[in-house]
Amino acid sequence: MKDDGKRRLFLVGAADEPDALMRVLNVVTVLQARLRRLEAEPAVDGLSIRLEIDDPGDHKAEALARRLEACPVVTRLAFGWRGGLAPGAGVTT
């Protein structure tokens, strides 16, 4: 996949567990998404994770969102383009 600068942004809230970041990154790896930027920091309710990936197309981006939502440590999720985010279907706030 060539890098045309188009990236998807996934904002993930995760439980405060020692392996939460690794479990989220495992989902990204299994789906072979090309990670371009990662930020993670403690939050009041656990861990806040920001992932930027090369644009894999709508189908793969939605598949990644579904898999992240299914991950037991994920407590909330929003994804979309850097300019506008859409909450995931099973998001809790």
PDB file of N, CA and C in Angstrom:
ATOM      1  N   MET A   1       0.846  -1.179   0.000  1.00  0.00           N
ATOM      2  CA  MET A   1       0.000   0.000   0.000  1.00  0.00           C
ATOM      3  C   MET A   1       0.886   1.236   0.000  1.00  0.00           C
ATOM      4  N   LYS A   2       0.661   2.138  -0.912  1.00  0.00           N
ATOM      5  CA  LYS A   2       1.446   3.363  -0.946  1.00  0.00           C
ATOM      6  C   LYS A   2       0.918   4.347   0.092  1.00  0.00           C
ATOM      7  N   ASP A   3       1.814   5.182   0.569  1.00  0.00           N
ATOM      8  CA  ASP A   3       1.436   6.179   1.570  1.00  0.00           C
ATOM      9  C   ASP A   3       0.985   7.442   0.859  1.00  0.00           C
ATOM     10  N   ASP A   4      -0.321   7.629   0.712  1.00  0.00           N
ATOM     11  CA  ASP A   4      -0.851   8.820   0.054  1.00  0.00           C
ATOM     12  C   ASP A   4      -1.252   9.887   1.068  1.00  0.00           C
ATOM     13  N   GLY A   5      -0.910   9.669   2.334  1.00  0.00           N
ATOM     14  CA  GLY A   5      -1.196  10.650   3.367  1.00  0.00           C
ATOM     15  C   GLY A   5      -2.561  10.527   3.999  1.00  0.00           C
ATOM     16  N   LYS A   6      -3.442   9.695   3.435  1.00  0.00           N
ATOM     17  CA  LYS A   6      -4.777   9.528   4.006  1.00  0.00           C
ATOM     18  C   LYS A   6      -4.681   8.549   5.179  1.00  0.00           C
ATOM     19  N   ARG A   7      -5.165   8.993   6.310  1.00  0.00           N
ATOM     20  CA  ARG A   7      -5.093   8.154   7.505  1.00  0.00           C
ATOM     21  C   ARG A   7      -6.424   8.120   8.237  1.00  0.00           C
ATOM     22  N   ARG A   8      -6.661   7.001   8.865  1.00  0.00           N
ATOM     23  CA  ARG A   8      -7.822   6.838   9.742  1.00  0.00           C
ATOM     24  C   ARG A   8      -7.350   7.046  11.175  1.00  0.00           C
ATOM     25  N   LEU A   9      -8.231   7.603  11.969  1.00  0.00           N
ATOM     26  CA  LEU A   9      -7.942   7.860  13.375  1.00  0.00           C
ATOM     27  C   LEU A   9      -8.881   7.025  14.223  1.00  0.00           C
ATOM     28  N   PHE A  10      -8.326   6.313  15.170  1.00  0.00           N
ATOM     29  CA  PHE A  10      -9.105   5.525  16.120  1.00  0.00           C
ATOM     30  C   PHE A  10      -8.764   6.034  17.519  1.00  0.00           C
ATOM     31  N   LEU A  11      -9.779   6.496  18.239  1.00  0.00           N
ATOM     32  CA  LEU A  11      -9.616   6.907  19.630  1.00  0.00           C
ATOM     33  C   LEU A  11     -10.214   5.805  20.492  1.00  0.00           C
ATOM     34  N   VAL A  12      -9.377   5.212  21.314  1.00  0.00           N
ATOM     35  CA  VAL A  12      -9.769   4.037  22.083  1.00  0.00           C
ATOM     36  C   VAL A  12      -9.644   4.333  23.571  1.00  0.00           C
ATOM     37  N   GLY A  13     -10.669   3.991  24.320  1.00  0.00           N
ATOM     38  CA  GLY A  13     -10.597   4.011  25.772  1.00  0.00           C
ATOM     39  C   GLY A  13     -10.449   2.575  26.219  1.00  0.00           C
ATOM     40  N   ALA A  14      -9.522   2.331  27.128  1.00  0.00           N
ATOM     41  CA  ALA A  14      -9.273   0.963  27.582  1.00  0.00           C
ATOM     42  C   ALA A  14      -9.251   0.909  29.108  1.00  0.00           C
ATOM     43  N   ALA A  15      -9.539  -0.270  29.619  1.00  0.00           N
ATOM     44  CA  ALA A  15      -9.533  -0.492  31.068  1.00  0.00           C
ATOM     45  C   ALA A  15      -8.121  -0.308  31.616  1.00  0.00           C
ATOM     46  N   ASP A  16      -8.052  -0.001  32.877  1.00  0.00           N
ATOM     47  CA  ASP A  16      -6.767   0.178  33.547  1.00  0.00           C
ATOM     48  C   ASP A  16      -6.211  -1.193  33.922  1.00  0.00           C
ATOM     49  N   GLU A  17      -5.645  -1.862  32.936  1.00  0.00           N
ATOM     50  CA  GLU A  17      -5.042  -3.184  33.135  1.00  0.00           C
ATOM     51  C   GLU A  17      -3.627  -3.154  32.581  1.00  0.00           C
ATOM     52  N   PRO A  18      -2.700  -3.894  33.182  1.00  0.00           N
ATOM     53  CA  PRO A  18      -1.302  -3.846  32.739  1.00  0.00           C
ATOM     54  C   PRO A  18      -1.090  -4.185  31.263  1.00  0.00           C
ATOM     55  N   ASP A  19      -1.916  -5.051  30.688  1.00  0.00           N
ATOM     56  CA  ASP A  19      -1.721  -5.470  29.300  1.00  0.00           C
ATOM     57  C   ASP A  19      -2.696  -4.831  28.320  1.00  0.00           C
ATOM     58  N   ALA A  20      -3.392  -3.794  28.728  1.00  0.00           N
ATOM     59  CA  ALA A  20      -4.432  -3.182  27.878  1.00  0.00           C
ATOM     60  C   ALA A  20      -3.867  -2.688  26.550  1.00  0.00           C
ATOM     61  N   LEU A  21      -2.757  -1.964  26.573  1.00  0.00           N
ATOM     62  CA  LEU A  21      -2.184  -1.440  25.339  1.00  0.00           C
ATOM     63  C   LEU A  21      -1.777  -2.578  24.407  1.00  0.00           C
ATOM     64  N   MET A  22      -1.149  -3.595  24.932  1.00  0.00           N
ATOM     65  CA  MET A  22      -0.710  -4.718  24.097  1.00  0.00           C
ATOM     66  C   MET A  22      -1.901  -5.456  23.491  1.00  0.00           C
ATOM     67  N   ARG A  23      -2.980  -5.566  24.227  1.00  0.00           N
ATOM     68  CA  ARG A  23      -4.162  -6.245  23.693  1.00  0.00           C
ATOM     69  C   ARG A  23      -4.787  -5.447  22.546  1.00  0.00           C
ATOM     70  N   VAL A  24      -4.816  -4.134  22.672  1.00  0.00           N
ATOM     71  CA  VAL A  24      -5.337  -3.288  21.596  1.00  0.00           C
ATOM     72  C   VAL A  24      -4.417  -3.380  20.377  1.00  0.00           C
ATOM     73  N   LEU A  25      -3.118  -3.297  20.593  1.00  0.00           N
ATOM     74  CA  LEU A  25      -2.174  -3.383  19.475  1.00  0.00           C
ATOM     75  C   LEU A  25      -2.199  -4.757  18.808  1.00  0.00           C
ATOM     76  N   ASN A  26      -2.503  -5.786  19.556  1.00  0.00           N
ATOM     77  CA  ASN A  26      -2.623  -7.120  18.973  1.00  0.00           C
ATOM     78  C   ASN A  26      -3.741  -7.156  17.927  1.00  0.00           C
ATOM     79  N   VAL A  27      -4.859  -6.497  18.212  1.00  0.00           N
ATOM     80  CA  VAL A  27      -5.967  -6.438  17.248  1.00  0.00           C
ATOM     81  C   VAL A  27      -5.499  -5.749  15.970  1.00  0.00           C
ATOM     82  N   VAL A  28      -4.777  -4.661  16.102  1.00  0.00           N
ATOM     83  CA  VAL A  28      -4.267  -3.928  14.939  1.00  0.00           C
ATOM     84  C   VAL A  28      -3.322  -4.815  14.136  1.00  0.00           C
ATOM     85  N   THR A  29      -2.469  -5.547  14.819  1.00  0.00           N
ATOM     86  CA  THR A  29      -1.500  -6.422  14.160  1.00  0.00           C
ATOM     87  C   THR A  29      -2.176  -7.576  13.439  1.00  0.00           C
ATOM     88  N   VAL A  30      -3.135  -8.212  14.085  1.00  0.00           N
ATOM     89  CA  VAL A  30      -3.825  -9.352  13.477  1.00  0.00           C
ATOM     90  C   VAL A  30      -4.501  -8.942  12.169  1.00  0.00           C
ATOM     91  N   LEU A  31      -5.051  -7.736  12.112  1.00  0.00           N
ATOM     92  CA  LEU A  31      -5.715  -7.263  10.902  1.00  0.00           C
ATOM     93  C   LEU A  31      -4.737  -6.601   9.924  1.00  0.00           C
ATOM     94  N   GLN A  32      -3.459  -6.644  10.242  1.00  0.00           N
ATOM     95  CA  GLN A  32      -2.386  -6.134   9.385  1.00  0.00           C
ATOM     96  C   GLN A  32      -2.578  -4.676   8.982  1.00  0.00           C
ATOM     97  N   ALA A  33      -3.059  -3.877   9.918  1.00  0.00           N
ATOM     98  CA  ALA A  33      -3.182  -2.445   9.680  1.00  0.00           C
ATOM     99  C   ALA A  33      -1.805  -1.803   9.835  1.00  0.00           C
ATOM    100  N   ARG A  34      -1.492  -0.860   8.983  1.00  0.00           N
ATOM    101  CA  ARG A  34      -0.194  -0.195   9.036  1.00  0.00           C
ATOM    102  C   ARG A  34      -0.284   1.008   9.972  1.00  0.00           C
ATOM    103  N   LEU A  35       0.243   0.846  11.159  1.00  0.00           N
ATOM    104  CA  LEU A  35       0.215   1.882  12.190  1.00  0.00           C
ATOM    105  C   LEU A  35       1.223   2.973  11.853  1.00  0.00           C
ATOM    106  N   ARG A  36       0.759   4.216  11.844  1.00  0.00           N
ATOM    107  CA  ARG A  36       1.627   5.356  11.530  1.00  0.00           C
ATOM    108  C   ARG A  36       1.888   6.255  12.733  1.00  0.00           C
ATOM    109  N   ARG A  37       0.997   6.227  13.711  1.00  0.00           N
ATOM    110  CA  ARG A  37       1.195   7.044  14.915  1.00  0.00           C
ATOM    111  C   ARG A  37       0.456   6.393  16.064  1.00  0.00           C
ATOM    112  N   LEU A  38       1.060   6.445  17.232  1.00  0.00           N
ATOM    113  CA  LEU A  38       0.472   5.871  18.434  1.00  0.00           C
ATOM    114  C   LEU A  38       0.741   6.802  19.601  1.00  0.00           C
ATOM    115  N   GLU A  39      -0.313   7.101  20.347  1.00  0.00           N
ATOM    116  CA  GLU A  39      -0.189   7.866  21.591  1.00  0.00           C
ATOM    117  C   GLU A  39      -1.025   7.145  22.635  1.00  0.00           C
ATOM    118  N   ALA A  40      -0.480   6.999  23.810  1.00  0.00           N
ATOM    119  CA  ALA A  40      -1.221   6.378  24.913  1.00  0.00           C
ATOM    120  C   ALA A  40      -0.861   7.105  26.202  1.00  0.00           C
ATOM    121  N   GLU A  41      -1.890   7.360  27.014  1.00  0.00           N
ATOM    122  CA  GLU A  41      -1.648   8.023  28.292  1.00  0.00           C
ATOM    123  C   GLU A  41      -2.731   7.629  29.280  1.00  0.00           C
ATOM    124  N   PRO A  42      -2.389   7.662  30.559  1.00  0.00           N
ATOM    125  CA  PRO A  42      -3.396   7.348  31.571  1.00  0.00           C
ATOM    126  C   PRO A  42      -4.540   8.360  31.509  1.00  0.00           C
ATOM    127  N   ALA A  43      -5.734   7.872  31.779  1.00  0.00           N
ATOM    128  CA  ALA A  43      -6.925   8.720  31.838  1.00  0.00           C
ATOM    129  C   ALA A  43      -7.639   8.420  33.153  1.00  0.00           C
ATOM    130  N   VAL A  44      -8.607   9.245  33.473  1.00  0.00           N
ATOM    131  CA  VAL A  44      -9.350   9.078  34.722  1.00  0.00           C
ATOM    132  C   VAL A  44      -9.973   7.679  34.809  1.00  0.00           C
ATOM    133  N   ASP A  45     -10.483   7.195  33.676  1.00  0.00           N
ATOM    134  CA  ASP A  45     -11.194   5.915  33.680  1.00  0.00           C
ATOM    135  C   ASP A  45     -10.380   4.766  33.078  1.00  0.00           C
ATOM    136  N   GLY A  46      -9.068   4.923  32.965  1.00  0.00           N
ATOM    137  CA  GLY A  46      -8.238   3.847  32.436  1.00  0.00           C
ATOM    138  C   GLY A  46      -7.107   4.373  31.578  1.00  0.00           C
ATOM    139  N   LEU A  47      -7.124   3.996  30.304  1.00  0.00           N
ATOM    140  CA  LEU A  47      -6.067   4.364  29.380  1.00  0.00           C
ATOM    141  C   LEU A  47      -6.696   4.982  28.132  1.00  0.00           C
ATOM    142  N   SER A  48      -6.125   6.076  27.665  1.00  0.00           N
ATOM    143  CA  SER A  48      -6.578   6.726  26.443  1.00  0.00           C
ATOM    144  C   SER A  48      -5.551   6.424  25.350  1.00  0.00           C
ATOM    145  N   ILE A  49      -6.006   5.843  24.241  1.00  0.00           N
ATOM    146  CA  ILE A  49      -5.108   5.432  23.157  1.00  0.00           C
ATOM    147  C   ILE A  49      -5.557   6.094  21.859  1.00  0.00           C
ATOM    148  N   ARG A  50      -4.625   6.680  21.158  1.00  0.00           N
ATOM    149  CA  ARG A  50      -4.877   7.311  19.857  1.00  0.00           C
ATOM    150  C   ARG A  50      -4.051   6.562  18.818  1.00  0.00           C
ATOM    151  N   LEU A  51      -4.726   6.006  17.818  1.00  0.00           N
ATOM    152  CA  LEU A  51      -4.061   5.257  16.756  1.00  0.00           C
ATOM    153  C   LEU A  51      -4.330   5.930  15.418  1.00  0.00           C
ATOM    154  N   GLU A  52      -3.300   6.161  14.637  1.00  0.00           N
ATOM    155  CA  GLU A  52      -3.464   6.612  13.259  1.00  0.00           C
ATOM    156  C   GLU A  52      -2.926   5.512  12.366  1.00  0.00           C
ATOM    157  N   ILE A  53      -3.740   5.082  11.402  1.00  0.00           N
ATOM    158  CA  ILE A  53      -3.313   4.033  10.480  1.00  0.00           C
ATOM    159  C   ILE A  53      -3.515   4.512   9.045  1.00  0.00           C
ATOM    160  N   ASP A  54      -2.723   3.940   8.135  1.00  0.00           N
ATOM    161  CA  ASP A  54      -2.943   4.229   6.717  1.00  0.00           C
ATOM    162  C   ASP A  54      -4.372   3.842   6.382  1.00  0.00           C
ATOM    163  N   ASP A  55      -4.981   4.605   5.475  1.00  0.00           N
ATOM    164  CA  ASP A  55      -6.364   4.322   5.098  1.00  0.00           C
ATOM    165  C   ASP A  55      -6.461   2.970   4.408  1.00  0.00           C
ATOM    166  N   PRO A  56      -7.114   1.992   5.058  1.00  0.00           N
ATOM    167  CA  PRO A  56      -7.245   0.669   4.458  1.00  0.00           C
ATOM    168  C   PRO A  56      -8.513   0.516   3.620  1.00  0.00           C
ATOM    169  N   GLY A  57      -9.326   1.574   3.541  1.00  0.00           N
ATOM    170  CA  GLY A  57     -10.623   1.492   2.881  1.00  0.00           C
ATOM    171  C   GLY A  57     -11.709   1.310   3.925  1.00  0.00           C
ATOM    172  N   ASP A  58     -12.940   1.616   3.533  1.00  0.00           N
ATOM    173  CA  ASP A  58     -14.057   1.574   4.476  1.00  0.00           C
ATOM    174  C   ASP A  58     -14.271   0.197   5.090  1.00  0.00           C
ATOM    175  N   HIS A  59     -14.240  -0.839   4.271  1.00  0.00           N
ATOM    176  CA  HIS A  59     -14.523  -2.194   4.754  1.00  0.00           C
ATOM    177  C   HIS A  59     -13.520  -2.621   5.834  1.00  0.00           C
ATOM    178  N   LYS A  60     -12.224  -2.417   5.576  1.00  0.00           N
ATOM    179  CA  LYS A  60     -11.203  -2.831   6.547  1.00  0.00           C
ATOM    180  C   LYS A  60     -11.220  -1.944   7.786  1.00  0.00           C
ATOM    181  N   ALA A  61     -11.504  -0.659   7.615  1.00  0.00           N
ATOM    182  CA  ALA A  61     -11.573   0.232   8.776  1.00  0.00           C
ATOM    183  C   ALA A  61     -12.732  -0.168   9.693  1.00  0.00           C
ATOM    184  N   GLU A  62     -13.869  -0.507   9.098  1.00  0.00           N
ATOM    185  CA  GLU A  62     -15.018  -0.947   9.895  1.00  0.00           C
ATOM    186  C   GLU A  62     -14.749  -2.305  10.551  1.00  0.00           C
ATOM    187  N   ALA A  63     -14.040  -3.184   9.866  1.00  0.00           N
ATOM    188  CA  ALA A  63     -13.676  -4.483  10.451  1.00  0.00           C
ATOM    189  C   ALA A  63     -12.753  -4.273  11.650  1.00  0.00           C
ATOM    190  N   LEU A  64     -11.797  -3.356  11.519  1.00  0.00           N
ATOM    191  CA  LEU A  64     -10.906  -3.061  12.632  1.00  0.00           C
ATOM    192  C   LEU A  64     -11.695  -2.489  13.805  1.00  0.00           C
ATOM    193  N   ALA A  65     -12.636  -1.593  13.528  1.00  0.00           N
ATOM    194  CA  ALA A  65     -13.464  -1.013  14.591  1.00  0.00           C
ATOM    195  C   ALA A  65     -14.264  -2.099  15.308  1.00  0.00           C
ATOM    196  N   ARG A  66     -14.859  -3.020  14.545  1.00  0.00           N
ATOM    197  CA  ARG A  66     -15.629  -4.114  15.166  1.00  0.00           C
ATOM    198  C   ARG A  66     -14.741  -4.988  16.049  1.00  0.00           C
ATOM    199  N   ARG A  67     -13.542  -5.290  15.570  1.00  0.00           N
ATOM    200  CA  ARG A  67     -12.628  -6.126  16.346  1.00  0.00           C
ATOM    201  C   ARG A  67     -12.152  -5.397  17.603  1.00  0.00           C
ATOM    202  N   LEU A  68     -11.907  -4.099  17.497  1.00  0.00           N
ATOM    203  CA  LEU A  68     -11.513  -3.334  18.683  1.00  0.00           C
ATOM    204  C   LEU A  68     -12.649  -3.305  19.697  1.00  0.00           C
ATOM    205  N   GLU A  69     -13.882  -3.093  19.222  1.00  0.00           N
ATOM    206  CA  GLU A  69     -15.031  -3.085  20.138  1.00  0.00           C
ATOM    207  C   GLU A  69     -15.197  -4.426  20.847  1.00  0.00           C
ATOM    208  N   ALA A  70     -14.827  -5.501  20.179  1.00  0.00           N
ATOM    209  CA  ALA A  70     -14.961  -6.833  20.761  1.00  0.00           C
ATOM    210  C   ALA A  70     -13.833  -7.164  21.750  1.00  0.00           C
ATOM    211  N   CYS A  71     -12.792  -6.378  21.734  1.00  0.00           N
ATOM    212  CA  CYS A  71     -11.662  -6.608  22.634  1.00  0.00           C
ATOM    213  C   CYS A  71     -12.112  -6.330  24.072  1.00  0.00           C
ATOM    214  N   PRO A  72     -11.900  -7.272  24.982  1.00  0.00           N
ATOM    215  CA  PRO A  72     -12.416  -7.124  26.354  1.00  0.00           C
ATOM    216  C   PRO A  72     -11.932  -5.893  27.116  1.00  0.00           C
ATOM    217  N   VAL A  73     -10.762  -5.364  26.799  1.00  0.00           N
ATOM    218  CA  VAL A  73     -10.264  -4.207  27.548  1.00  0.00           C
ATOM    219  C   VAL A  73     -10.770  -2.876  27.011  1.00  0.00           C
ATOM    220  N   VAL A  74     -11.364  -2.876  25.815  1.00  0.00           N
ATOM    221  CA  VAL A  74     -11.835  -1.627  25.211  1.00  0.00           C
ATOM    222  C   VAL A  74     -13.157  -1.209  25.854  1.00  0.00           C
ATOM    223  N   THR A  75     -13.190   0.025  26.344  1.00  0.00           N
ATOM    224  CA  THR A  75     -14.382   0.553  27.013  1.00  0.00           C
ATOM    225  C   THR A  75     -15.130   1.573  26.153  1.00  0.00           C
ATOM    226  N   ARG A  76     -14.436   2.184  25.183  1.00  0.00           N
ATOM    227  CA  ARG A  76     -15.089   3.109  24.261  1.00  0.00           C
ATOM    228  C   ARG A  76     -14.229   3.231  23.005  1.00  0.00           C
ATOM    229  N   LEU A  77     -14.890   3.650  21.924  1.00  0.00           N
ATOM    230  CA  LEU A  77     -14.199   3.748  20.650  1.00  0.00           C
ATOM    231  C   LEU A  77     -14.868   4.787  19.762  1.00  0.00           C
ATOM    232  N   ALA A  78     -14.062   5.599  19.107  1.00  0.00           N
ATOM    233  CA  ALA A  78     -14.522   6.487  18.047  1.00  0.00           C
ATOM    234  C   ALA A  78     -13.499   6.368  16.923  1.00  0.00           C
ATOM    235  N   PHE A  79     -13.984   6.427  15.684  1.00  0.00           N
ATOM    236  CA  PHE A  79     -13.051   6.324  14.567  1.00  0.00           C
ATOM    237  C   PHE A  79     -13.557   7.101  13.367  1.00  0.00           C
ATOM    238  N   GLY A  80     -12.644   7.421  12.503  1.00  0.00           N
ATOM    239  CA  GLY A  80     -12.973   8.151  11.285  1.00  0.00           C
ATOM    240  C   GLY A  80     -11.736   8.816  10.742  1.00  0.00           C
ATOM    241  N   TRP A  81     -11.948   9.879   9.994  1.00  0.00           N
ATOM    242  CA  TRP A  81     -10.832  10.662   9.492  1.00  0.00           C
ATOM    243  C   TRP A  81     -10.373  11.604  10.593  1.00  0.00           C
ATOM    244  N   ARG A  82      -9.196  12.119  10.475  1.00  0.00           N
ATOM    245  CA  ARG A  82      -8.686  13.034  11.497  1.00  0.00           C
ATOM    246  C   ARG A  82      -9.591  14.250  11.671  1.00  0.00           C
ATOM    247  N   GLY A  83     -10.338  14.634  10.642  1.00  0.00           N
ATOM    248  CA  GLY A  83     -11.206  15.808  10.711  1.00  0.00           C
ATOM    249  C   GLY A  83     -12.553  15.571  11.356  1.00  0.00           C
ATOM    250  N   GLY A  84     -13.041  14.337  11.370  1.00  0.00           N
ATOM    251  CA  GLY A  84     -14.372  14.075  11.918  1.00  0.00           C
ATOM    252  C   GLY A  84     -14.499  12.636  12.367  1.00  0.00           C
ATOM    253  N   LEU A  85     -14.934  12.436  13.585  1.00  0.00           N
ATOM    254  CA  LEU A  85     -15.005  11.094  14.153  1.00  0.00           C
ATOM    255  C   LEU A  85     -16.438  10.618  14.269  1.00  0.00           C
ATOM    256  N   ALA A  86     -16.605   9.332  14.105  1.00  0.00           N
ATOM    257  CA  ALA A  86     -17.898   8.684  14.293  1.00  0.00           C
ATOM    258  C   ALA A  86     -17.766   7.684  15.429  1.00  0.00           C
ATOM    259  N   PRO A  87     -18.648   7.712  16.419  1.00  0.00           N
ATOM    260  CA  PRO A  87     -18.557   6.723  17.478  1.00  0.00           C
ATOM    261  C   PRO A  87     -18.845   5.330  16.929  1.00  0.00           C
ATOM    262  N   GLY A  88     -18.181   4.340  17.519  1.00  0.00           N
ATOM    263  CA  GLY A  88     -18.431   2.954  17.134  1.00  0.00           C
ATOM    264  C   GLY A  88     -19.829   2.541  17.558  1.00  0.00           C
ATOM    265  N   ALA A  89     -20.315   1.455  17.007  1.00  0.00           N
ATOM    266  CA  ALA A  89     -21.695   1.011  17.254  1.00  0.00           C
ATOM    267  C   ALA A  89     -21.947   0.671  18.719  1.00  0.00           C
ATOM    268  N   GLY A  90     -21.014   0.022  19.368  1.00  0.00           N
ATOM    269  CA  GLY A  90     -21.226  -0.418  20.739  1.00  0.00           C
ATOM    270  C   GLY A  90     -20.532   0.445  21.763  1.00  0.00           C
ATOM    271  N   VAL A  91     -20.394   1.709  21.491  1.00  0.00           N
ATOM    272  CA  VAL A  91     -19.648   2.610  22.358  1.00  0.00           C
ATOM    273  C   VAL A  91     -20.380   2.872  23.664  1.00  0.00           C
ATOM    274  N   THR A  92     -19.617   2.872  24.734  1.00  0.00           N
ATOM    275  CA  THR A  92     -20.165   3.301  26.019  1.00  0.00           C
ATOM    276  C   THR A  92     -19.472   4.596  26.378  1.00  0.00           C
ATOM    277  N   THR A  93     -20.229   5.500  26.970  1.00  0.00           N
ATOM    278  CA  THR A  93     -19.633   6.779  27.348  1.00  0.00           C
ATOM    279  C   THR A  93     -19.809   7.052  28.801  1.00  0.00           C
TER     280      THR A  93
END
